[in-house]
């Protein structure tokens, strides 16, 4: 017999012999092999414990369908509120830029005002390490014309959306 056939045979024999031996050693004729115990509950993370504490209204230690639905509704409302806050901040920023660059006061940016805005914003962006890092996609520490064009497109798209409203 080849050696690689011995390993499965030995394993099978061991799995059979150990329970029989334990049964024989007990002397009672009853199996001493206990039913597998249920797996221990995994410990809850701090965030999960907080969620359970917050939404488990009946105190049974788990969330039923109604409690899960209530948690999801609250999360949805919070997400909607966060989106509204971001939109409000964007509108405020647009108003600040409009006031700064709308020299003729017509509420819109004409070509000359847009050109001035572009030059000023590019200069500000290049002076701000945080903003430069976000706009510098190739990581060379400089703002190339292509990178500036991408930033400019985003900025102008925001103004065009506002002006369209």
Protein backbone atom coordinates (compact mmCIF):
# COMPACT_ATOMS: atom_id res chain seq x y z
CA UNK A 1 0.00 0.00 0.00
CA UNK A 2 1.28 3.44 -0.86
CA UNK A 3 1.85 5.91 1.98
CA UNK A 4 -0.64 8.51 0.72
CA UNK A 5 -3.47 5.99 1.20
CA UNK A 6 -2.56 5.52 4.86
CA UNK A 7 -3.40 9.01 6.05
CA UNK A 8 -7.17 8.88 5.32
CA UNK A 9 -7.41 5.36 6.69
CA UNK A 10 -5.70 6.37 9.95
CA UNK A 11 -7.91 9.42 10.27
CA UNK A 12 -11.09 7.38 9.76
CA UNK A 13 -9.96 4.77 12.29
CA UNK A 14 -9.17 7.45 14.85
CA UNK A 15 -12.56 9.07 14.45
CA UNK A 16 -14.23 5.70 15.01
CA UNK A 17 -12.03 4.44 17.85
CA UNK A 18 -12.15 7.49 20.13
CA UNK A 19 -15.94 7.54 20.69
CA UNK A 20 -16.04 3.75 21.17
CA UNK A 21 -13.22 3.88 23.68
CA UNK A 22 -14.83 6.73 25.60
CA UNK A 23 -18.08 4.80 25.68
CA UNK A 24 -16.33 1.67 26.90
CA UNK A 25 -14.40 3.57 29.58
CA UNK A 26 -17.57 5.11 31.00
CA UNK A 27 -18.81 1.69 32.09
CA UNK A 28 -22.42 2.77 31.91
CA UNK A 29 -22.99 1.78 28.36
CA UNK A 30 -24.20 5.27 27.61
CA UNK A 31 -22.40 7.55 25.31
CA UNK A 32 -20.20 10.07 27.06
CA UNK A 33 -19.98 12.24 23.99
CA UNK A 34 -22.15 15.24 24.69
CA UNK A 35 -24.21 17.00 22.08
CA UNK A 36 -22.34 19.94 20.70
CA UNK A 37 -22.97 23.05 22.75
CA UNK A 38 -24.40 26.02 20.94
CA UNK A 39 -21.84 28.43 19.61
CA UNK A 40 -21.18 31.27 22.03
CA UNK A 41 -22.73 34.57 21.10
CA UNK A 42 -20.18 36.90 19.60
CA UNK A 43 -19.48 39.94 21.70
CA UNK A 44 -21.15 43.09 20.40
CA UNK A 45 -18.97 45.92 19.28
CA UNK A 46 -19.44 49.22 21.07
CA UNK A 47 -21.34 50.62 18.07
CA UNK A 48 -23.65 47.59 17.90
CA UNK A 49 -24.27 47.74 21.65
CA UNK A 50 -25.18 51.42 21.33
CA UNK A 51 -27.60 50.64 18.48
CA UNK A 52 -29.20 47.85 20.49
CA UNK A 53 -29.51 50.09 23.55
CA UNK A 54 -31.01 52.89 21.47
CA UNK A 55 -33.57 50.94 19.45
CA UNK A 56 -34.46 47.87 21.59
CA UNK A 57 -37.69 49.32 22.95
CA UNK A 58 -39.06 46.09 24.46
CA UNK A 59 -35.73 45.25 26.17
CA UNK A 60 -35.46 41.67 24.90
CA UNK A 61 -31.85 42.08 23.81
CA UNK A 62 -32.54 41.90 20.09
CA UNK A 63 -34.21 44.04 17.46
CA UNK A 64 -37.51 42.82 16.07
CA UNK A 65 -38.89 43.91 12.69
CA UNK A 66 -40.62 47.02 14.04
CA UNK A 67 -37.48 48.15 15.88
CA UNK A 68 -35.33 47.58 12.79
CA UNK A 69 -37.83 49.58 10.69
CA UNK A 70 -37.72 52.44 13.22
CA UNK A 71 -33.90 52.43 13.17
CA UNK A 72 -33.83 52.47 9.37
CA UNK A 73 -36.34 55.34 9.24
CA UNK A 74 -34.25 57.42 11.63
CA UNK A 75 -31.07 56.70 9.66
CA UNK A 76 -32.82 57.69 6.43
CA UNK A 77 -34.01 60.97 7.99
CA UNK A 78 -30.50 61.69 9.26
CA UNK A 79 -29.01 61.00 5.81
CA UNK A 80 -31.58 63.29 4.17
CA UNK A 81 -30.78 66.03 6.69
CA UNK A 82 -27.05 65.61 5.97
CA UNK A 83 -27.64 65.97 2.22
CA UNK A 84 -29.73 69.09 2.82
CA UNK A 85 -26.95 70.59 4.98
CA UNK A 86 -24.37 69.94 2.25
CA UNK A 87 -26.63 71.50 -0.35
CA UNK A 88 -27.19 74.53 1.90
CA UNK A 89 -23.41 74.96 2.38
CA UNK A 90 -22.90 74.73 -1.40
CA UNK A 91 -25.57 77.37 -1.98
CA UNK A 92 -23.95 79.64 0.62
CA UNK A 93 -20.55 79.24 -1.05
CA UNK A 94 -22.07 80.02 -4.43
CA UNK A 95 -23.65 83.17 -3.01
CA UNK A 96 -20.31 84.28 -1.57
CA UNK A 97 -18.59 83.73 -4.92
CA UNK A 98 -21.39 85.43 -6.79
CA UNK A 99 -21.15 88.49 -4.52
CA UNK A 100 -17.37 88.55 -4.88
CA UNK A 101 -17.14 88.16 -8.65
CA UNK A 102 -20.42 89.65 -9.95
CA UNK A 103 -19.08 93.17 -10.46
CA UNK A 104 -22.04 94.51 -12.45
CA UNK A 105 -24.57 93.18 -9.89
CA UNK A 106 -26.88 91.45 -12.36
CA UNK A 107 -26.93 88.20 -10.37
CA UNK A 108 -25.04 86.29 -13.06
CA UNK A 109 -21.43 85.92 -14.08
CA UNK A 110 -20.60 87.13 -17.56
CA UNK A 111 -17.50 85.97 -19.47
CA UNK A 112 -15.15 88.57 -17.97
CA UNK A 113 -16.40 87.91 -14.43
CA UNK A 114 -15.96 84.17 -14.96
CA UNK A 115 -12.41 84.68 -16.21
CA UNK A 116 -11.60 86.77 -13.13
CA UNK A 117 -13.19 84.16 -10.90
CA UNK A 118 -11.17 81.38 -12.58
CA UNK A 119 -7.86 83.19 -12.13
CA UNK A 120 -8.59 84.06 -8.50
CA UNK A 121 -9.80 80.59 -7.57
CA UNK A 122 -6.84 78.88 -9.26
CA UNK A 123 -4.43 81.12 -7.35
CA UNK A 124 -6.24 80.36 -4.06
CA UNK A 125 -6.27 76.66 -4.80
CA UNK A 126 -2.54 76.62 -5.55
CA UNK A 127 -1.80 78.41 -2.24
CA UNK A 128 -3.89 75.99 -0.15
CA UNK A 129 -2.06 72.71 0.56
CA UNK A 130 -5.29 70.92 1.43
CA UNK A 131 -7.11 72.00 -1.72
CA UNK A 132 -4.05 71.43 -3.89
CA UNK A 133 -3.82 67.87 -2.58
CA UNK A 134 -7.45 67.24 -3.58
CA UNK A 135 -7.03 68.72 -7.06
CA UNK A 136 -3.53 67.38 -7.81
CA UNK A 137 -4.52 64.01 -9.23
CA UNK A 138 -1.07 63.04 -10.49
CA UNK A 139 0.56 63.86 -7.14
CA UNK A 140 3.36 66.03 -8.49
CA UNK A 141 2.58 68.92 -6.12
CA UNK A 142 1.61 71.25 -8.95
CA UNK A 143 -1.67 72.07 -10.60
CA UNK A 144 -1.44 71.19 -14.28
CA UNK A 145 -3.73 72.72 -16.89
CA UNK A 146 -5.66 69.45 -17.17
CA UNK A 147 -6.16 69.27 -13.39
CA UNK A 148 -7.27 72.90 -13.31
CA UNK A 149 -9.66 72.23 -16.21
CA UNK A 150 -11.27 69.41 -14.20
CA UNK A 151 -11.65 71.64 -11.13
CA UNK A 152 -12.95 74.51 -13.23
CA UNK A 153 -15.51 72.25 -14.87
CA UNK A 154 -16.87 71.25 -11.45
CA UNK A 155 -17.02 74.84 -10.24
CA UNK A 156 -18.69 76.17 -13.37
CA UNK A 157 -21.15 73.28 -13.42
CA UNK A 158 -22.27 74.28 -9.92
CA UNK A 159 -22.85 77.88 -11.01
CA UNK A 160 -24.69 76.81 -14.15
CA UNK A 161 -27.01 74.61 -12.07
CA UNK A 162 -27.76 77.54 -9.79
CA UNK A 163 -28.30 79.99 -12.67
CA UNK A 164 -30.66 77.53 -14.36
CA UNK A 165 -32.95 77.51 -11.32
